[in-house]
Amino acid sequence: MTDVYVLHENNEWLAPLQAALSRESVPFKEWHLNEGSFTFDSAPPEGVFYNRMSASAHTRGHLHAPDYTASVLTWLEAHGRRVVNGARVLALELSKVKQYAALQACGVRTPRTVVAVGKDALRKAARDFGAPLILKPNRGGKGAGVQLFNTIGAVEAFLDSDAYETGPDGIMLIQDYIKSPNASIFRNEFVGGKHLYTVRVDTSQGFELCPADVCQIDDLACPVGEETGEELGESPTPRFEIVKDFDHPNLELYERFLRENGIEVAGIEMIFDKDGIAWTYDVNTNTNYNPDAEENAGYNNTAHSGMGALSQFLGEELAKLEIRTAAE
């Protein structure tokens, strides 16, 4: 009997997938990659290896986990193992610059972006770019470190403060601020390279948009303004809400992007400006799903849910592997 091996660095994020795999009776083992060792000259075990390494690993004290995972994936692929979201995908997860290059190659519109290393270079680039602007790490994850500045003076004050820090690779991005008319973005989920569903995310509380239940301080967002919906006698707006029958030309472009880059599981985020133009700004290959949004849509614990579809996909890939192995 072979297994699905889940490569990761966050036990909390793993729990929903574990539950879904158990419901589907898919045999699996976890491989926590914050620490460890492997013998490069030996053969890995047979199985399906699913990479869930995150760009935000450093925010949990797991600074070296992504680079160690890259070595593990190289080893697995050198031995011809079935890897879901392999080494090429991890490289894209860890660099927004690489994401934008790959997206643009498939005809996807991304925001104007300047890449800078070093505080002085960043300061000059911001002055040349002009405000308002978004400042973000090249390697961040779950929206960490993404900030909006309405004036260059505010950027310079930030750069001179103790709050300034870069991501692990030291690269910072200056980007156009795309203002949504209704303070929302759209996250498009894909499993097996195919569109599963799209979720609308309320961004009025900020840019840390991890949909996993463990990321949420409060699952309800306040509308823009001083009064909450409850104070106005209205129902609070869910921060994550699945949009039924969502359709947009970008979905076809995204599936092409996934195919050409070997990405099988991902969430791709886009925002509409005041003219209705869609801008794509982030690809999350270690994707999580919001259980409340799925429950409200009637998807919870079904094949339409993120973890349900993912566990079925991994189970099907494992079954294909076993058939091929038996035929050899």
C-alpha atoms as a PDB file:
ATOM      1  CA  MET A   1       0.000   0.000   0.000  1.00  0.00           C
ATOM      2  CA  THR A   2       1.364   3.402  -1.005  1.00  0.00           C
ATOM      3  CA  ASP A   3       0.548   6.696   0.675  1.00  0.00           C
ATOM      4  CA  VAL A   4      -0.026  10.368   0.022  1.00  0.00           C
ATOM      5  CA  TYR A   5       2.794  12.326   1.660  1.00  0.00           C
ATOM      6  CA  VAL A   6       1.885  15.877   2.681  1.00  0.00           C
ATOM      7  CA  LEU A   7       4.948  18.145   2.832  1.00  0.00           C
ATOM      8  CA  HIS A   8       4.306  21.129   5.106  1.00  0.00           C
ATOM      9  CA  GLU A   9       5.477  23.286   8.037  1.00  0.00           C
ATOM     10  CA  ASN A  10       2.224  24.267   9.770  1.00  0.00           C
ATOM     11  CA  ASN A  11       0.306  21.704  11.823  1.00  0.00           C
ATOM     12  CA  GLU A  12      -2.733  23.971  12.227  1.00  0.00           C
ATOM     13  CA  TRP A  13      -3.173  24.378   8.474  1.00  0.00           C
ATOM     14  CA  LEU A  14      -2.785  20.627   7.998  1.00  0.00           C
ATOM     15  CA  ALA A  15      -5.685  19.591  10.266  1.00  0.00           C
ATOM     16  CA  PRO A  16      -8.555  20.263   7.781  1.00  0.00           C
ATOM     17  CA  LEU A  17      -6.783  18.296   5.041  1.00  0.00           C
ATOM     18  CA  GLN A  18      -6.118  15.422   7.436  1.00  0.00           C
ATOM     19  CA  ALA A  19      -9.827  15.277   8.261  1.00  0.00           C
ATOM     20  CA  ALA A  20     -10.815  15.325   4.574  1.00  0.00           C
ATOM     21  CA  LEU A  21      -8.308  12.615   3.629  1.00  0.00           C
ATOM     22  CA  SER A  22      -9.601  10.458   6.474  1.00  0.00           C
ATOM     23  CA  ARG A  23     -13.202  10.914   5.289  1.00  0.00           C
ATOM     24  CA  GLU A  24     -12.149   9.810   1.807  1.00  0.00           C
ATOM     25  CA  SER A  25     -10.157   6.847   3.249  1.00  0.00           C
ATOM     26  CA  VAL A  26      -7.007   8.086   1.525  1.00  0.00           C
ATOM     27  CA  PRO A  27      -3.897   6.725   3.295  1.00  0.00           C
ATOM     28  CA  PHE A  28      -1.517   9.555   4.084  1.00  0.00           C
ATOM     29  CA  LYS A  29       1.543  10.531   6.059  1.00  0.00           C
ATOM     30  CA  GLU A  30       2.706  14.010   6.984  1.00  0.00           C
ATOM     31  CA  TRP A  31       6.225  15.265   6.485  1.00  0.00           C
ATOM     32  CA  HIS A  32       6.974  18.347   8.569  1.00  0.00           C
ATOM     33  CA  LEU A  33       9.913  20.070   6.914  1.00  0.00           C
ATOM     34  CA  ASN A  34      11.037  22.686   9.388  1.00  0.00           C
ATOM     35  CA  GLU A  35      13.826  20.280  10.379  1.00  0.00           C
ATOM     36  CA  GLY A  36      15.021  16.913   9.119  1.00  0.00           C
ATOM     37  CA  SER A  37      17.428  15.053   6.902  1.00  0.00           C
ATOM     38  CA  PHE A  38      17.395  12.687   3.959  1.00  0.00           C
ATOM     39  CA  THR A  39      20.010  10.660   2.114  1.00  0.00           C
ATOM     40  CA  PHE A  40      20.213  12.130  -1.366  1.00  0.00           C
ATOM     41  CA  ASP A  41      21.667   8.964  -2.923  1.00  0.00           C
ATOM     42  CA  SER A  42      18.870   6.724  -1.621  1.00  0.00           C
ATOM     43  CA  ALA A  43      15.480   6.283  -3.276  1.00  0.00           C
ATOM     44  CA  PRO A  44      12.423   7.974  -1.730  1.00  0.00           C
ATOM     45  CA  PRO A  45       9.415   5.839  -0.816  1.00  0.00           C
ATOM     46  CA  GLU A  46       6.747   5.258  -3.446  1.00  0.00           C
ATOM     47  CA  GLY A  47       3.688   7.451  -3.202  1.00  0.00           C
ATOM     48  CA  VAL A  48       2.124  10.763  -4.160  1.00  0.00           C
ATOM     49  CA  PHE A  49       3.900  13.762  -2.650  1.00  0.00           C
ATOM     50  CA  TYR A  50       1.856  16.930  -2.149  1.00  0.00           C
ATOM     51  CA  ASN A  51       3.842  20.106  -1.494  1.00  0.00           C
ATOM     52  CA  ARG A  52       2.090  22.525   0.893  1.00  0.00           C
ATOM     53  CA  MET A  53       5.111  24.615   1.809  1.00  0.00           C
ATOM     54  CA  SER A  54       4.218  28.266   2.368  1.00  0.00           C
ATOM     55  CA  ALA A  55       5.979  31.524   1.574  1.00  0.00           C
ATOM     56  CA  SER A  56       4.954  32.720   5.050  1.00  0.00           C
ATOM     57  CA  ALA A  57       6.911  29.971   6.866  1.00  0.00           C
ATOM     58  CA  HIS A  58       9.346  32.564   8.250  1.00  0.00           C
ATOM     59  CA  THR A  59       6.501  34.273  10.126  1.00  0.00           C
ATOM     60  CA  ARG A  60       6.163  31.085  12.195  1.00  0.00           C
ATOM     61  CA  GLY A  61       9.884  30.772  12.929  1.00  0.00           C
ATOM     62  CA  HIS A  62      10.484  28.299  10.090  1.00  0.00           C
ATOM     63  CA  LEU A  63      12.913  30.412   8.086  1.00  0.00           C
ATOM     64  CA  HIS A  64      14.748  27.568   6.359  1.00  0.00           C
ATOM     65  CA  ALA A  65      11.775  25.270   5.706  1.00  0.00           C
ATOM     66  CA  PRO A  66      11.104  26.532   2.130  1.00  0.00           C
ATOM     67  CA  ASP A  67      14.721  26.049   1.033  1.00  0.00           C
ATOM     68  CA  TYR A  68      14.889  22.631   2.658  1.00  0.00           C
ATOM     69  CA  THR A  69      11.645  21.716   0.903  1.00  0.00           C
ATOM     70  CA  ALA A  70      13.149  22.801  -2.421  1.00  0.00           C
ATOM     71  CA  SER A  71      15.949  20.284  -1.842  1.00  0.00           C
ATOM     72  CA  VAL A  72      13.471  17.550  -0.949  1.00  0.00           C
ATOM     73  CA  LEU A  73      11.399  18.238  -4.068  1.00  0.00           C
ATOM     74  CA  THR A  74      14.527  18.117  -6.237  1.00  0.00           C
ATOM     75  CA  TRP A  75      15.333  14.712  -4.737  1.00  0.00           C
ATOM     76  CA  LEU A  76      11.808  13.390  -5.296  1.00  0.00           C
ATOM     77  CA  GLU A  77      11.663  14.599  -8.886  1.00  0.00           C
ATOM     78  CA  ALA A  78      15.123  13.191  -9.657  1.00  0.00           C
ATOM     79  CA  HIS A  79      13.723   9.769  -8.729  1.00  0.00           C
ATOM     80  CA  GLY A  80      10.584  10.210 -10.834  1.00  0.00           C
ATOM     81  CA  ARG A  81       8.140  10.397  -7.937  1.00  0.00           C
ATOM     82  CA  ARG A  82       4.641  11.799  -8.467  1.00  0.00           C
ATOM     83  CA  VAL A  83       4.809  15.302  -6.998  1.00  0.00           C
ATOM     84  CA  VAL A  84       1.845  17.680  -6.819  1.00  0.00           C
ATOM     85  CA  ASN A  85       3.096  21.288  -6.947  1.00  0.00           C
ATOM     86  CA  GLY A  86       6.771  20.481  -7.417  1.00  0.00           C
ATOM     87  CA  ALA A  87      10.014  22.456  -7.358  1.00  0.00           C
ATOM     88  CA  ARG A  88       9.001  24.885 -10.129  1.00  0.00           C
ATOM     89  CA  VAL A  89       5.787  25.639  -8.251  1.00  0.00           C
ATOM     90  CA  LEU A  90       7.590  26.261  -4.974  1.00  0.00           C
ATOM     91  CA  ALA A  91       9.880  28.736  -6.739  1.00  0.00           C
ATOM     92  CA  LEU A  92       6.802  30.668  -7.871  1.00  0.00           C
ATOM     93  CA  GLU A  93       5.268  30.508  -4.385  1.00  0.00           C
ATOM     94  CA  LEU A  94       8.390  32.143  -2.959  1.00  0.00           C
ATOM     95  CA  SER A  95       8.688  35.031  -5.427  1.00  0.00           C
ATOM     96  CA  LYS A  96       6.028  37.453  -6.576  1.00  0.00           C
ATOM     97  CA  VAL A  97       8.413  38.706  -9.262  1.00  0.00           C
ATOM     98  CA  LYS A  98       8.523  35.201 -10.765  1.00  0.00           C
ATOM     99  CA  GLN A  99       4.734  34.969 -10.443  1.00  0.00           C
ATOM    100  CA  TYR A 100       4.206  38.188 -12.372  1.00  0.00           C
ATOM    101  CA  ALA A 101       6.578  37.138 -15.154  1.00  0.00           C
ATOM    102  CA  ALA A 102       4.767  33.807 -15.552  1.00  0.00           C
ATOM    103  CA  LEU A 103       1.314  35.429 -15.397  1.00  0.00           C
ATOM    104  CA  GLN A 104       2.215  38.068 -17.978  1.00  0.00           C
ATOM    105  CA  ALA A 105       3.553  35.362 -20.296  1.00  0.00           C
ATOM    106  CA  CYS A 106       0.009  33.936 -20.331  1.00  0.00           C
ATOM    107  CA  GLY A 107      -1.651  37.268 -21.049  1.00  0.00           C
ATOM    108  CA  VAL A 108      -2.725  38.046 -17.471  1.00  0.00           C
ATOM    109  CA  ARG A 109      -2.731  41.721 -16.452  1.00  0.00           C
ATOM    110  CA  THR A 110      -0.667  42.505 -13.319  1.00  0.00           C
ATOM    111  CA  PRO A 111      -0.167  45.868 -11.547  1.00  0.00           C
ATOM    112  CA  ARG A 112       2.732  48.194 -12.401  1.00  0.00           C
ATOM    113  CA  THR A 113       5.587  47.059 -10.166  1.00  0.00           C
ATOM    114  CA  VAL A 114       9.069  48.270  -9.233  1.00  0.00           C
ATOM    115  CA  VAL A 115      11.543  45.862  -7.591  1.00  0.00           C
ATOM    116  CA  ALA A 116      14.065  47.220  -5.086  1.00  0.00           C
ATOM    117  CA  VAL A 117      16.715  45.995  -2.646  1.00  0.00           C
ATOM    118  CA  GLY A 118      18.101  48.259   0.068  1.00  0.00           C
ATOM    119  CA  LYS A 119      16.482  51.112   1.947  1.00  0.00           C
ATOM    120  CA  ASP A 120      18.085  53.899  -0.101  1.00  0.00           C
ATOM    121  CA  ALA A 121      17.106  52.292  -3.402  1.00  0.00           C
ATOM    122  CA  LEU A 122      13.585  51.730  -2.095  1.00  0.00           C
ATOM    123  CA  ARG A 123      13.305  55.348  -0.990  1.00  0.00           C
ATOM    124  CA  LYS A 124      14.376  56.684  -4.401  1.00  0.00           C
ATOM    125  CA  ALA A 125      12.158  54.222  -6.261  1.00  0.00           C
ATOM    126  CA  ALA A 126       9.144  55.275  -4.192  1.00  0.00           C
ATOM    127  CA  ARG A 127       9.768  58.955  -4.969  1.00  0.00           C
ATOM    128  CA  ASP A 128       9.998  58.182  -8.680  1.00  0.00           C
ATOM    129  CA  PHE A 129       6.918  55.923  -8.534  1.00  0.00           C
ATOM    130  CA  GLY A 130       4.598  58.372  -6.792  1.00  0.00           C
ATOM    131  CA  ALA A 131       1.812  57.900  -4.247  1.00  0.00           C
ATOM    132  CA  PRO A 132      -0.502  56.285  -3.444  1.00  0.00           C
ATOM    133  CA  LEU A 133       1.389  53.016  -3.592  1.00  0.00           C
ATOM    134  CA  ILE A 134       1.468  49.545  -2.133  1.00  0.00           C
ATOM    135  CA  LEU A 135       4.670  48.312  -0.478  1.00  0.00           C
ATOM    136  CA  LYS A 136       5.061  44.561  -0.114  1.00  0.00           C
ATOM    137  CA  PRO A 137       7.768  41.898   0.354  1.00  0.00           C
ATOM    138  CA  ASN A 138       8.655  39.768  -2.653  1.00  0.00           C
ATOM    139  CA  ARG A 139       8.296  36.769  -0.335  1.00  0.00           C
ATOM    140  CA  GLY A 140       5.520  37.366   2.141  1.00  0.00           C
ATOM    141  CA  GLY A 141       2.572  35.016   2.305  1.00  0.00           C
ATOM    142  CA  LYS A 142      -0.995  35.524   3.627  1.00  0.00           C
ATOM    143  CA  GLY A 143      -0.713  39.256   3.017  1.00  0.00           C
ATOM    144  CA  ALA A 144       2.041  39.706   5.604  1.00  0.00           C
ATOM    145  CA  GLY A 145       3.881  43.016   5.294  1.00  0.00           C
ATOM    146  CA  VAL A 146       1.580  44.481   2.627  1.00  0.00           C
ATOM    147  CA  GLN A 147       0.964  48.177   3.342  1.00  0.00           C
ATOM    148  CA  LEU A 148      -0.753  51.084   1.630  1.00  0.00           C
ATOM    149  CA  PHE A 149       0.871  54.542   1.682  1.00  0.00           C
ATOM    150  CA  ASN A 150      -1.044  57.608   0.511  1.00  0.00           C
ATOM    151  CA  THR A 151       1.970  59.957   0.538  1.00  0.00           C
ATOM    152  CA  ILE A 152       5.703  59.655  -0.093  1.00  0.00           C
ATOM    153  CA  GLY A 153       6.248  61.311   3.287  1.00  0.00           C
ATOM    154  CA  ALA A 154       4.504  58.381   4.941  1.00  0.00           C
ATOM    155  CA  VAL A 155       6.737  55.954   3.027  1.00  0.00           C
ATOM    156  CA  GLU A 156       9.885  57.765   4.162  1.00  0.00           C
ATOM    157  CA  ALA A 157       8.714  57.894   7.768  1.00  0.00           C
ATOM    158  CA  PHE A 158       8.081  54.144   7.617  1.00  0.00           C
ATOM    159  CA  LEU A 159      11.525  53.460   6.147  1.00  0.00           C
ATOM    160  CA  ASP A 160      13.126  55.442   8.984  1.00  0.00           C
ATOM    161  CA  SER A 161      11.115  53.659  11.690  1.00  0.00           C
ATOM    162  CA  ASP A 162      11.738  50.457  13.615  1.00  0.00           C
ATOM    163  CA  ALA A 163       8.662  48.965  11.933  1.00  0.00           C
ATOM    164  CA  TYR A 164      10.452  48.658   8.581  1.00  0.00           C
ATOM    165  CA  GLU A 165      11.540  45.157   7.677  1.00  0.00           C
ATOM    166  CA  THR A 166      11.820  43.154   4.506  1.00  0.00           C
ATOM    167  CA  GLY A 167      10.903  39.573   3.755  1.00  0.00           C
ATOM    168  CA  PRO A 168      13.478  36.766   3.949  1.00  0.00           C
ATOM    169  CA  ASP A 169      15.018  37.530   0.535  1.00  0.00           C
ATOM    170  CA  GLY A 170      15.349  41.281   1.200  1.00  0.00           C
ATOM    171  CA  ILE A 171      13.484  42.204  -1.980  1.00  0.00           C
ATOM    172  CA  MET A 172      10.666  44.735  -1.740  1.00  0.00           C
ATOM    173  CA  LEU A 173       8.044  45.612  -4.336  1.00  0.00           C
ATOM    174  CA  ILE A 174       6.450  48.991  -5.003  1.00  0.00           C
ATOM    175  CA  GLN A 175       3.121  48.549  -6.714  1.00  0.00           C
ATOM    176  CA  ASP A 176       0.178  50.551  -8.006  1.00  0.00           C
ATOM    177  CA  TYR A 177      -2.661  50.798  -5.523  1.00  0.00           C
ATOM    178  CA  ILE A 178      -5.689  49.347  -7.300  1.00  0.00           C
ATOM    179  CA  LYS A 179      -8.689  50.748  -5.434  1.00  0.00           C
ATOM    180  CA  SER A 180     -11.722  48.492  -5.394  1.00  0.00           C
ATOM    181  CA  PRO A 181     -15.056  50.361  -5.455  1.00  0.00           C
ATOM    182  CA  ASN A 182     -16.423  47.983  -2.802  1.00  0.00           C
ATOM    183  CA  ALA A 183     -13.235  47.141  -0.831  1.00  0.00           C
ATOM    184  CA  SER A 184     -13.049  43.552  -2.009  1.00  0.00           C
ATOM    185  CA  ILE A 185     -10.831  41.140  -3.897  1.00  0.00           C
ATOM    186  CA  PHE A 186     -11.666  37.833  -5.567  1.00  0.00           C
ATOM    187  CA  ARG A 187      -9.745  34.652  -4.837  1.00  0.00           C
ATOM    188  CA  ASN A 188     -10.120  31.934  -7.466  1.00  0.00           C
ATOM    189  CA  GLU A 189      -9.503  28.405  -6.205  1.00  0.00           C
ATOM    190  CA  PHE A 190      -8.179  25.655  -8.472  1.00  0.00           C
ATOM    191  CA  VAL A 191      -7.788  21.938  -7.752  1.00  0.00           C
ATOM    192  CA  GLY A 192      -6.321  19.552 -10.310  1.00  0.00           C
ATOM    193  CA  GLY A 193      -5.684  22.580 -12.503  1.00  0.00           C
ATOM    194  CA  LYS A 194      -9.435  23.293 -12.817  1.00  0.00           C
ATOM    195  CA  HIS A 195     -11.510  26.119 -11.356  1.00  0.00           C
ATOM    196  CA  LEU A 196     -13.351  24.997  -8.226  1.00  0.00           C
ATOM    197  CA  TYR A 197     -14.977  28.212  -7.007  1.00  0.00           C
ATOM    198  CA  THR A 198     -14.364  31.912  -6.421  1.00  0.00           C
ATOM    199  CA  VAL A 199     -14.597  33.637  -3.057  1.00  0.00           C
ATOM    200  CA  ARG A 200     -15.129  37.350  -2.514  1.00  0.00           C
ATOM    201  CA  VAL A 201     -12.947  38.705   0.313  1.00  0.00           C
ATOM    202  CA  ASP A 202     -13.741  41.919   2.191  1.00  0.00           C
ATOM    203  CA  THR A 203     -10.458  43.856   2.490  1.00  0.00           C
ATOM    204  CA  SER A 204     -11.755  46.716   4.628  1.00  0.00           C
ATOM    205  CA  GLN A 205      -9.893  45.358   7.676  1.00  0.00           C
ATOM    206  CA  GLY A 206      -6.532  45.081   5.936  1.00  0.00           C
ATOM    207  CA  PHE A 207      -4.442  42.928   3.626  1.00  0.00           C
ATOM    208  CA  GLU A 208      -3.756  39.804   5.726  1.00  0.00           C
ATOM    209  CA  LEU A 209      -6.172  37.631   3.811  1.00  0.00           C
ATOM    210  CA  CYS A 210      -5.368  34.055   4.797  1.00  0.00           C
ATOM    211  CA  PRO A 211      -8.745  32.271   4.522  1.00  0.00           C
ATOM    212  CA  ALA A 212      -7.891  29.452   6.939  1.00  0.00           C
ATOM    213  CA  ASP A 213     -10.014  29.359  10.074  1.00  0.00           C
ATOM    214  CA  VAL A 214      -6.921  29.556  12.308  1.00  0.00           C
ATOM    215  CA  CYS A 215      -5.893  32.863  10.682  1.00  0.00           C
ATOM    216  CA  GLN A 216      -9.084  34.681  11.603  1.00  0.00           C
ATOM    217  CA  ILE A 217      -9.243  36.962  14.615  1.00  0.00           C
ATOM    218  CA  ASP A 218     -12.909  37.661  13.855  1.00  0.00           C
ATOM    219  CA  ASP A 219     -14.690  36.146  10.867  1.00  0.00           C
ATOM    220  CA  LEU A 220     -16.859  39.238  10.393  1.00  0.00           C
ATOM    221  CA  ALA A 221     -15.628  42.432   8.797  1.00  0.00           C
ATOM    222  CA  CYS A 222     -16.838  45.926   9.623  1.00  0.00           C
ATOM    223  CA  PRO A 223     -17.982  48.088   6.702  1.00  0.00           C
ATOM    224  CA  VAL A 224     -16.007  51.196   5.905  1.00  0.00           C
ATOM    225  CA  GLY A 225     -16.870  53.954   8.361  1.00  0.00           C
ATOM    226  CA  GLU A 226     -17.077  54.471  12.085  1.00  0.00           C
ATOM    227  CA  GLU A 227     -20.232  52.430  12.738  1.00  0.00           C
ATOM    228  CA  THR A 228     -20.488  48.649  12.406  1.00  0.00           C
ATOM    229  CA  GLY A 229     -23.349  46.918  10.636  1.00  0.00           C
ATOM    230  CA  GLU A 230     -24.717  45.784  13.991  1.00  0.00           C
ATOM    231  CA  GLU A 231     -24.845  49.388  15.233  1.00  0.00           C
ATOM    232  CA  LEU A 232     -26.737  50.324  12.085  1.00  0.00           C
ATOM    233  CA  GLY A 233     -29.204  47.481  12.634  1.00  0.00           C
ATOM    234  CA  GLU A 234     -27.845  45.496   9.672  1.00  0.00           C
ATOM    235  CA  SER A 235     -26.328  42.033   9.444  1.00  0.00           C
ATOM    236  CA  PRO A 236     -22.518  42.084   9.544  1.00  0.00           C
ATOM    237  CA  THR A 237     -20.913  41.246   6.216  1.00  0.00           C
ATOM    238  CA  PRO A 238     -18.977  37.956   6.076  1.00  0.00           C
ATOM    239  CA  ARG A 239     -15.347  38.571   5.281  1.00  0.00           C
ATOM    240  CA  PHE A 240     -15.258  35.520   2.985  1.00  0.00           C
ATOM    241  CA  GLU A 241     -18.206  34.750   0.710  1.00  0.00           C
ATOM    242  CA  ILE A 242     -18.325  32.259  -2.167  1.00  0.00           C
ATOM    243  CA  VAL A 243     -19.709  33.765  -5.385  1.00  0.00           C
ATOM    244  CA  LYS A 244     -21.916  31.193  -7.087  1.00  0.00           C
ATOM    245  CA  ASP A 245     -21.527  30.827 -10.870  1.00  0.00           C
ATOM    246  CA  PHE A 246     -18.646  33.308 -11.007  1.00  0.00           C
ATOM    247  CA  ASP A 247     -17.305  33.752 -14.522  1.00  0.00           C
ATOM    248  CA  HIS A 248     -14.572  35.922 -16.018  1.00  0.00           C
ATOM    249  CA  PRO A 249     -12.186  35.634 -19.000  1.00  0.00           C
ATOM    250  CA  ASN A 250      -9.282  35.447 -16.539  1.00  0.00           C
ATOM    251  CA  LEU A 251     -10.367  31.961 -15.463  1.00  0.00           C
ATOM    252  CA  GLU A 252      -9.350  30.533 -18.845  1.00  0.00           C
ATOM    253  CA  LEU A 253      -6.055  32.444 -18.726  1.00  0.00           C
ATOM    254  CA  TYR A 254      -5.425  31.176 -15.193  1.00  0.00           C
ATOM    255  CA  GLU A 255      -5.915  27.558 -16.256  1.00  0.00           C
ATOM    256  CA  ARG A 256      -3.398  28.105 -19.054  1.00  0.00           C
ATOM    257  CA  PHE A 257      -0.973  29.666 -16.544  1.00  0.00           C
ATOM    258  CA  LEU A 258      -1.389  26.661 -14.236  1.00  0.00           C
ATOM    259  CA  ARG A 259      -0.806  24.153 -17.053  1.00  0.00           C
ATOM    260  CA  GLU A 260       2.295  25.903 -18.376  1.00  0.00           C
ATOM    261  CA  ASN A 261       3.869  26.085 -14.908  1.00  0.00           C
ATOM    262  CA  GLY A 262       2.945  22.659 -13.561  1.00  0.00           C
ATOM    263  CA  ILE A 263       0.665  24.088 -10.858  1.00  0.00           C
ATOM    264  CA  GLU A 264      -2.150  21.755  -9.839  1.00  0.00           C
ATOM    265  CA  VAL A 265      -3.493  23.369  -6.661  1.00  0.00           C
ATOM    266  CA  ALA A 266      -3.631  27.144  -6.172  1.00  0.00           C
ATOM    267  CA  GLY A 267      -5.607  30.212  -5.208  1.00  0.00           C
ATOM    268  CA  ILE A 268      -5.181  33.197  -7.544  1.00  0.00           C
ATOM    269  CA  GLU A 269      -6.212  36.654  -6.333  1.00  0.00           C
ATOM    270  CA  MET A 270      -7.476  39.511  -8.468  1.00  0.00           C
ATOM    271  CA  ILE A 271      -9.063  42.902  -7.896  1.00  0.00           C
ATOM    272  CA  PHE A 272     -11.382  45.026 -10.036  1.00  0.00           C
ATOM    273  CA  ASP A 273     -10.722  48.760 -10.357  1.00  0.00           C
ATOM    274  CA  LYS A 274     -13.388  51.460 -10.733  1.00  0.00           C
ATOM    275  CA  ASP A 275     -13.527  50.816 -14.488  1.00  0.00           C
ATOM    276  CA  GLY A 276     -14.162  47.087 -14.027  1.00  0.00           C
ATOM    277  CA  ILE A 277     -10.665  46.097 -15.172  1.00  0.00           C
ATOM    278  CA  ALA A 278      -9.295  43.007 -13.401  1.00  0.00           C
ATOM    279  CA  TRP A 279      -5.730  43.061 -12.035  1.00  0.00           C
ATOM    280  CA  THR A 280      -4.042  39.878 -10.794  1.00  0.00           C
ATOM    281  CA  TYR A 281      -1.526  40.334  -7.993  1.00  0.00           C
ATOM    282  CA  ASP A 282      -0.941  37.079  -6.105  1.00  0.00           C
ATOM    283  CA  VAL A 283      -0.733  33.316  -6.560  1.00  0.00           C
ATOM    284  CA  ASN A 284      -0.976  31.077  -3.493  1.00  0.00           C
ATOM    285  CA  THR A 285       0.128  27.514  -4.198  1.00  0.00           C
ATOM    286  CA  ASN A 286      -0.275  26.554  -0.537  1.00  0.00           C
ATOM    287  CA  THR A 287      -3.965  27.357  -0.568  1.00  0.00           C
ATOM    288  CA  ASN A 288      -6.372  27.276   2.377  1.00  0.00           C
ATOM    289  CA  TYR A 289     -10.159  27.463   2.421  1.00  0.00           C
ATOM    290  CA  ASN A 290     -12.612  29.263   4.663  1.00  0.00           C
ATOM    291  CA  PRO A 291     -15.001  26.787   6.344  1.00  0.00           C
ATOM    292  CA  ASP A 292     -17.683  29.373   7.130  1.00  0.00           C
ATOM    293  CA  ALA A 293     -17.853  30.548   3.524  1.00  0.00           C
ATOM    294  CA  GLU A 294     -18.115  26.944   2.350  1.00  0.00           C
ATOM    295  CA  GLU A 295     -20.814  26.149   4.893  1.00  0.00           C
ATOM    296  CA  ASN A 296     -22.834  29.210   3.899  1.00  0.00           C
ATOM    297  CA  ALA A 297     -22.596  28.095   0.254  1.00  0.00           C
ATOM    298  CA  GLY A 298     -23.649  24.548   1.122  1.00  0.00           C
ATOM    299  CA  TYR A 299     -20.238  23.135   0.203  1.00  0.00           C
ATOM    300  CA  ASN A 300     -18.978  22.030   3.615  1.00  0.00           C
ATOM    301  CA  ASN A 301     -17.521  18.491   3.675  1.00  0.00           C
ATOM    302  CA  THR A 302     -18.587  17.828   0.079  1.00  0.00           C
ATOM    303  CA  ALA A 303     -16.732  17.390  -3.197  1.00  0.00           C
ATOM    304  CA  HIS A 304     -17.422  21.096  -3.824  1.00  0.00           C
ATOM    305  CA  SER A 305     -15.434  22.123  -0.742  1.00  0.00           C
ATOM    306  CA  GLY A 306     -11.762  22.936  -1.098  1.00  0.00           C
ATOM    307  CA  MET A 307     -10.431  20.160   1.111  1.00  0.00           C
ATOM    308  CA  GLY A 308     -13.045  17.731  -0.198  1.00  0.00           C
ATOM    309  CA  ALA A 309     -12.022  18.313  -3.804  1.00  0.00           C
ATOM    310  CA  LEU A 310      -8.340  18.254  -2.859  1.00  0.00           C
ATOM    311  CA  SER A 311      -8.578  14.961  -0.957  1.00  0.00           C
ATOM    312  CA  GLN A 312     -10.489  13.366  -3.837  1.00  0.00           C
ATOM    313  CA  PHE A 313      -7.877  14.588  -6.311  1.00  0.00           C
ATOM    314  CA  LEU A 314      -5.008  13.205  -4.223  1.00  0.00           C
ATOM    315  CA  GLY A 315      -6.854   9.913  -3.783  1.00  0.00           C
ATOM    316  CA  GLU A 316      -7.361   9.625  -7.548  1.00  0.00           C
ATOM    317  CA  GLU A 317      -3.677  10.338  -8.195  1.00  0.00           C
ATOM    318  CA  LEU A 318      -2.716   7.671  -5.664  1.00  0.00           C
ATOM    319  CA  ALA A 319      -5.039   5.150  -7.344  1.00  0.00           C
ATOM    320  CA  LYS A 320      -3.479   5.938 -10.757  1.00  0.00           C
ATOM    321  CA  LEU A 321      -0.009   5.389  -9.297  1.00  0.00           C
ATOM    322  CA  GLU A 322      -0.995   2.023  -7.846  1.00  0.00           C
ATOM    323  CA  ILE A 323      -2.446   0.898 -11.173  1.00  0.00           C
ATOM    324  CA  ARG A 324       0.747   1.891 -13.002  1.00  0.00           C
ATOM    325  CA  THR A 325       2.914   0.177 -10.395  1.00  0.00           C
ATOM    326  CA  ALA A 326       0.885  -3.030 -10.600  1.00  0.00           C
ATOM    327  CA  ALA A 327       1.182  -3.053 -14.416  1.00  0.00           C
ATOM    328  CA  GLU A 328       4.987  -2.748 -14.369  1.00  0.00           C
END
